[in-house]
Amino acid sequence: MSCDVPVKLLPEKTFDQVPNPYLVLVPGGGLGTIRAMGNQAIREYLVAAAETAHTVASVCTGALILGAADLLQGRNATTHWAYARFLERLGARYVPQRWVQDGKFICSAGVSAGIDMALYLSAKLGNEQLARDSQLVVEYDPQPPFGGIDWSQVDRDALVPSITALIRSALADHPNLVNRLTRPPSTSG
């Protein structure tokens, strides 16, 4: 499978070979994620796997794929901040947090938030010592050189036009999904 970075993912099993996974983790990205939203086989597998999975998780824009499969309808979820409006258009309630859990579904906001979520899941599915050991092994000790993000200064809609153009291009063969993602929000008065 192609990725957004020059790395190839080599699956070891097909969807048919793993009908009832314990945990489903949907990675995010850019163009590849948008294209995956239109992949019927991926969406159908996620719906079927979510029925029996203990945990269904996503990192970053992977939440959009869960949303395209209608798995986040009415659920609290998060994704990369620039894609929040699109997640909402897929029926989720966007929550601007590092990771959000709603029942068996857990979504992280971005790449580093995915690490936070992974450590949480390690503790939940294993134990806290396992999570602490994992954090030590990868030396995850965030200390950003410029401090935390000042969210009050971020225009959360700044990238919506370019993401909308990407969606229209990448999902041109899926007009219903394009419409769902790009229609203006409804106003009720």
Protein backbone atom coordinates (compact mmCIF):
# COMPACT_ATOMS: atom_id res chain seq x y z
CA MET A 1 0.00 0.00 0.00
CA SER A 2 1.23 3.48 -0.77
CA CYS A 3 1.66 6.00 2.02
CA ASP A 4 1.99 9.77 2.20
CA VAL A 5 5.68 9.25 3.01
CA PRO A 6 8.23 7.15 1.10
CA VAL A 7 7.42 4.01 3.08
CA LYS A 8 5.54 0.95 1.89
CA LEU A 9 3.17 -0.98 4.12
CA LEU A 10 3.19 -4.69 3.48
CA PRO A 11 0.04 -6.32 4.83
CA GLU A 12 0.49 -9.83 6.13
CA LYS A 13 -3.19 -10.79 5.96
CA THR A 14 -6.27 -9.89 3.96
CA PHE A 15 -9.49 -8.59 5.46
CA ASP A 16 -11.04 -12.03 4.94
CA GLN A 17 -8.27 -13.62 7.02
CA VAL A 18 -9.00 -11.36 10.02
CA PRO A 19 -12.80 -11.19 10.26
CA ASN A 20 -12.94 -10.58 14.02
CA PRO A 21 -9.96 -8.50 15.16
CA TYR A 22 -9.66 -7.61 18.83
CA LEU A 23 -8.47 -4.11 17.99
CA VAL A 24 -8.83 -2.10 14.79
CA LEU A 25 -6.47 0.85 14.31
CA VAL A 26 -7.03 3.17 11.35
CA PRO A 27 -3.99 5.33 10.57
CA GLY A 28 -4.28 8.81 9.13
CA GLY A 29 -2.47 10.83 6.53
CA GLY A 30 -3.29 13.14 3.67
CA LEU A 31 -4.20 12.08 0.16
CA GLY A 32 -4.08 8.36 0.99
CA THR A 33 -6.61 8.85 3.77
CA ILE A 34 -8.95 10.82 1.52
CA ARG A 35 -8.77 8.09 -1.11
CA ALA A 36 -9.33 5.37 1.50
CA MET A 37 -12.60 7.05 2.48
CA GLY A 38 -13.92 6.14 -0.98
CA ASN A 39 -12.76 2.53 -0.80
CA GLN A 40 -15.87 0.42 -0.32
CA ALA A 41 -13.89 -2.67 0.77
CA ILE A 42 -12.23 -0.71 3.57
CA ARG A 43 -15.52 0.81 4.73
CA GLU A 44 -17.31 -2.55 4.66
CA TYR A 45 -14.51 -4.24 6.57
CA LEU A 46 -14.52 -1.55 9.23
CA VAL A 47 -18.28 -1.86 9.71
CA ALA A 48 -18.06 -5.66 10.02
CA ALA A 49 -14.95 -5.63 12.23
CA ALA A 50 -16.38 -2.94 14.53
CA GLU A 51 -19.30 -5.22 15.41
CA THR A 52 -17.08 -7.64 17.34
CA ALA A 53 -13.89 -5.66 18.03
CA HIS A 54 -13.13 -4.69 21.60
CA THR A 55 -11.61 -1.38 20.47
CA VAL A 56 -11.82 0.64 17.26
CA ALA A 57 -9.22 3.40 17.14
CA SER A 58 -7.94 6.00 14.72
CA VAL A 59 -4.95 8.29 14.53
CA CYS A 60 -5.33 11.77 13.09
CA THR A 61 -7.37 11.79 9.87
CA GLY A 62 -8.04 8.06 10.19
CA ALA A 63 -11.20 9.23 12.00
CA LEU A 64 -12.48 10.42 8.61
CA ILE A 65 -12.34 6.85 7.32
CA LEU A 66 -14.34 5.69 10.37
CA GLY A 67 -16.75 8.55 9.69
CA ALA A 68 -17.09 7.63 6.02
CA ALA A 69 -18.05 4.13 7.20
CA ASP A 70 -20.75 5.75 9.38
CA LEU A 71 -19.17 4.40 12.56
CA LEU A 72 -18.92 7.78 14.29
CA GLN A 73 -22.51 8.96 13.77
CA GLY A 74 -23.47 10.96 16.87
CA ARG A 75 -20.26 9.99 18.66
CA ASN A 76 -17.67 12.24 20.27
CA ALA A 77 -14.47 12.03 18.25
CA THR A 78 -11.40 14.02 17.30
CA THR A 79 -9.01 14.34 14.38
CA HIS A 80 -6.36 16.76 13.17
CA TRP A 81 -7.74 20.25 13.81
CA ALA A 82 -7.69 21.20 10.10
CA TYR A 83 -10.12 18.34 9.33
CA ALA A 84 -12.58 19.01 12.18
CA ARG A 85 -15.31 20.44 9.92
CA PHE A 86 -15.10 17.40 7.65
CA LEU A 87 -15.38 15.00 10.59
CA GLU A 88 -18.52 16.84 11.71
CA ARG A 89 -19.98 16.56 8.20
CA LEU A 90 -19.60 12.79 8.56
CA GLY A 91 -21.84 12.85 11.62
CA ALA A 92 -19.34 12.91 14.49
CA ARG A 93 -19.25 15.50 17.27
CA TYR A 94 -15.75 16.99 17.05
CA VAL A 95 -14.09 17.43 20.43
CA PRO A 96 -10.81 19.43 20.41
CA GLN A 97 -8.82 17.11 22.67
CA ARG A 98 -5.65 15.01 22.26
CA TRP A 99 -7.73 11.82 22.22
CA VAL A 100 -11.38 11.12 22.74
CA GLN A 101 -13.07 7.88 23.70
CA ASP A 102 -16.76 7.18 23.10
CA GLY A 103 -17.61 3.59 23.96
CA LYS A 104 -15.33 1.22 22.07
CA PHE A 105 -14.28 4.03 19.69
CA ILE A 106 -11.19 6.09 20.46
CA CYS A 107 -9.69 8.74 18.18
CA SER A 108 -6.54 10.81 18.51
CA ALA A 109 -6.10 14.32 17.16
CA GLY A 110 -2.75 14.10 15.41
CA VAL A 111 0.50 12.20 15.20
CA SER A 112 1.88 12.99 18.65
CA ALA A 113 -1.62 12.67 20.11
CA GLY A 114 -1.60 9.19 18.57
CA ILE A 115 1.35 8.37 20.81
CA ASP A 116 -0.64 9.60 23.82
CA MET A 117 -3.57 7.42 22.77
CA ALA A 118 -1.30 4.40 22.21
CA LEU A 119 0.13 4.74 25.71
CA TYR A 120 -3.38 5.02 27.15
CA LEU A 121 -4.42 1.89 25.23
CA SER A 122 -1.29 0.05 26.42
CA ALA A 123 -2.31 0.75 29.99
CA LYS A 124 -5.97 -0.08 29.39
CA LEU A 125 -5.41 -3.29 27.43
CA GLY A 126 -2.25 -4.31 29.29
CA ASN A 127 -1.26 -2.41 32.39
CA GLU A 128 0.26 0.88 33.44
CA GLN A 129 3.77 -0.55 33.78
CA LEU A 130 3.65 -1.77 30.17
CA ALA A 131 2.63 1.73 29.06
CA ARG A 132 5.39 3.33 31.13
CA ASP A 133 7.97 0.89 29.75
CA SER A 134 6.80 1.64 26.21
CA GLN A 135 7.07 5.36 26.84
CA LEU A 136 10.62 4.87 28.08
CA VAL A 137 11.67 2.65 25.16
CA VAL A 138 10.60 5.27 22.60
CA GLU A 139 11.85 8.11 24.85
CA TYR A 140 8.53 9.90 24.58
CA ASP A 141 9.05 12.89 26.85
CA PRO A 142 7.56 15.83 24.95
CA GLN A 143 9.11 19.18 25.67
CA PRO A 144 8.32 21.32 22.62
CA PRO A 145 10.85 24.10 22.12
CA PHE A 146 8.10 26.71 21.82
CA GLY A 147 5.77 25.45 24.53
CA GLY A 148 2.22 24.34 23.97
CA ILE A 149 -0.02 25.45 21.14
CA ASP A 150 -2.01 28.63 21.72
CA TRP A 151 -5.30 27.39 20.28
CA SER A 152 -6.89 30.83 20.61
CA GLN A 153 -4.54 31.99 17.83
CA VAL A 154 -5.29 29.13 15.42
CA ASP A 155 -7.72 29.68 12.54
CA ARG A 156 -9.31 26.23 12.53
CA ASP A 157 -10.87 26.86 9.12
CA ALA A 158 -7.76 28.21 7.36
CA LEU A 159 -7.09 24.98 5.47
CA VAL A 160 -10.71 24.10 4.65
CA PRO A 161 -10.55 25.43 1.05
CA SER A 162 -7.42 23.44 0.16
CA ILE A 163 -8.72 20.29 1.88
CA THR A 164 -12.04 20.70 0.05
CA ALA A 165 -10.18 20.86 -3.27
CA LEU A 166 -8.21 17.74 -2.32
CA ILE A 167 -11.42 15.91 -1.43
CA ARG A 168 -13.10 16.87 -4.71
CA SER A 169 -10.09 15.67 -6.68
CA ALA A 170 -9.34 12.46 -4.78
CA LEU A 171 -12.98 11.35 -4.49
CA ALA A 172 -14.24 12.47 -7.91
CA ASP A 173 -15.60 8.94 -8.50
CA HIS A 174 -17.63 9.14 -5.27
CA PRO A 175 -20.00 12.13 -5.70
CA ASN A 176 -22.18 11.21 -2.72
CA LEU A 177 -19.19 11.22 -0.40
CA VAL A 178 -17.86 14.46 -1.93
CA ASN A 179 -21.25 16.09 -1.38
CA ARG A 180 -21.40 14.82 2.19
CA LEU A 181 -17.96 16.23 2.96
CA THR A 182 -18.20 19.54 1.13
CA ARG A 183 -21.79 20.67 1.55
CA PRO A 184 -22.16 23.84 3.61
CA PRO A 185 -23.20 23.24 7.19
CA SER A 186 -26.94 23.42 7.68
CA THR A 187 -28.26 26.38 9.58
CA SER A 188 -31.30 26.11 11.75
CA GLY A 189 -32.99 29.12 12.98
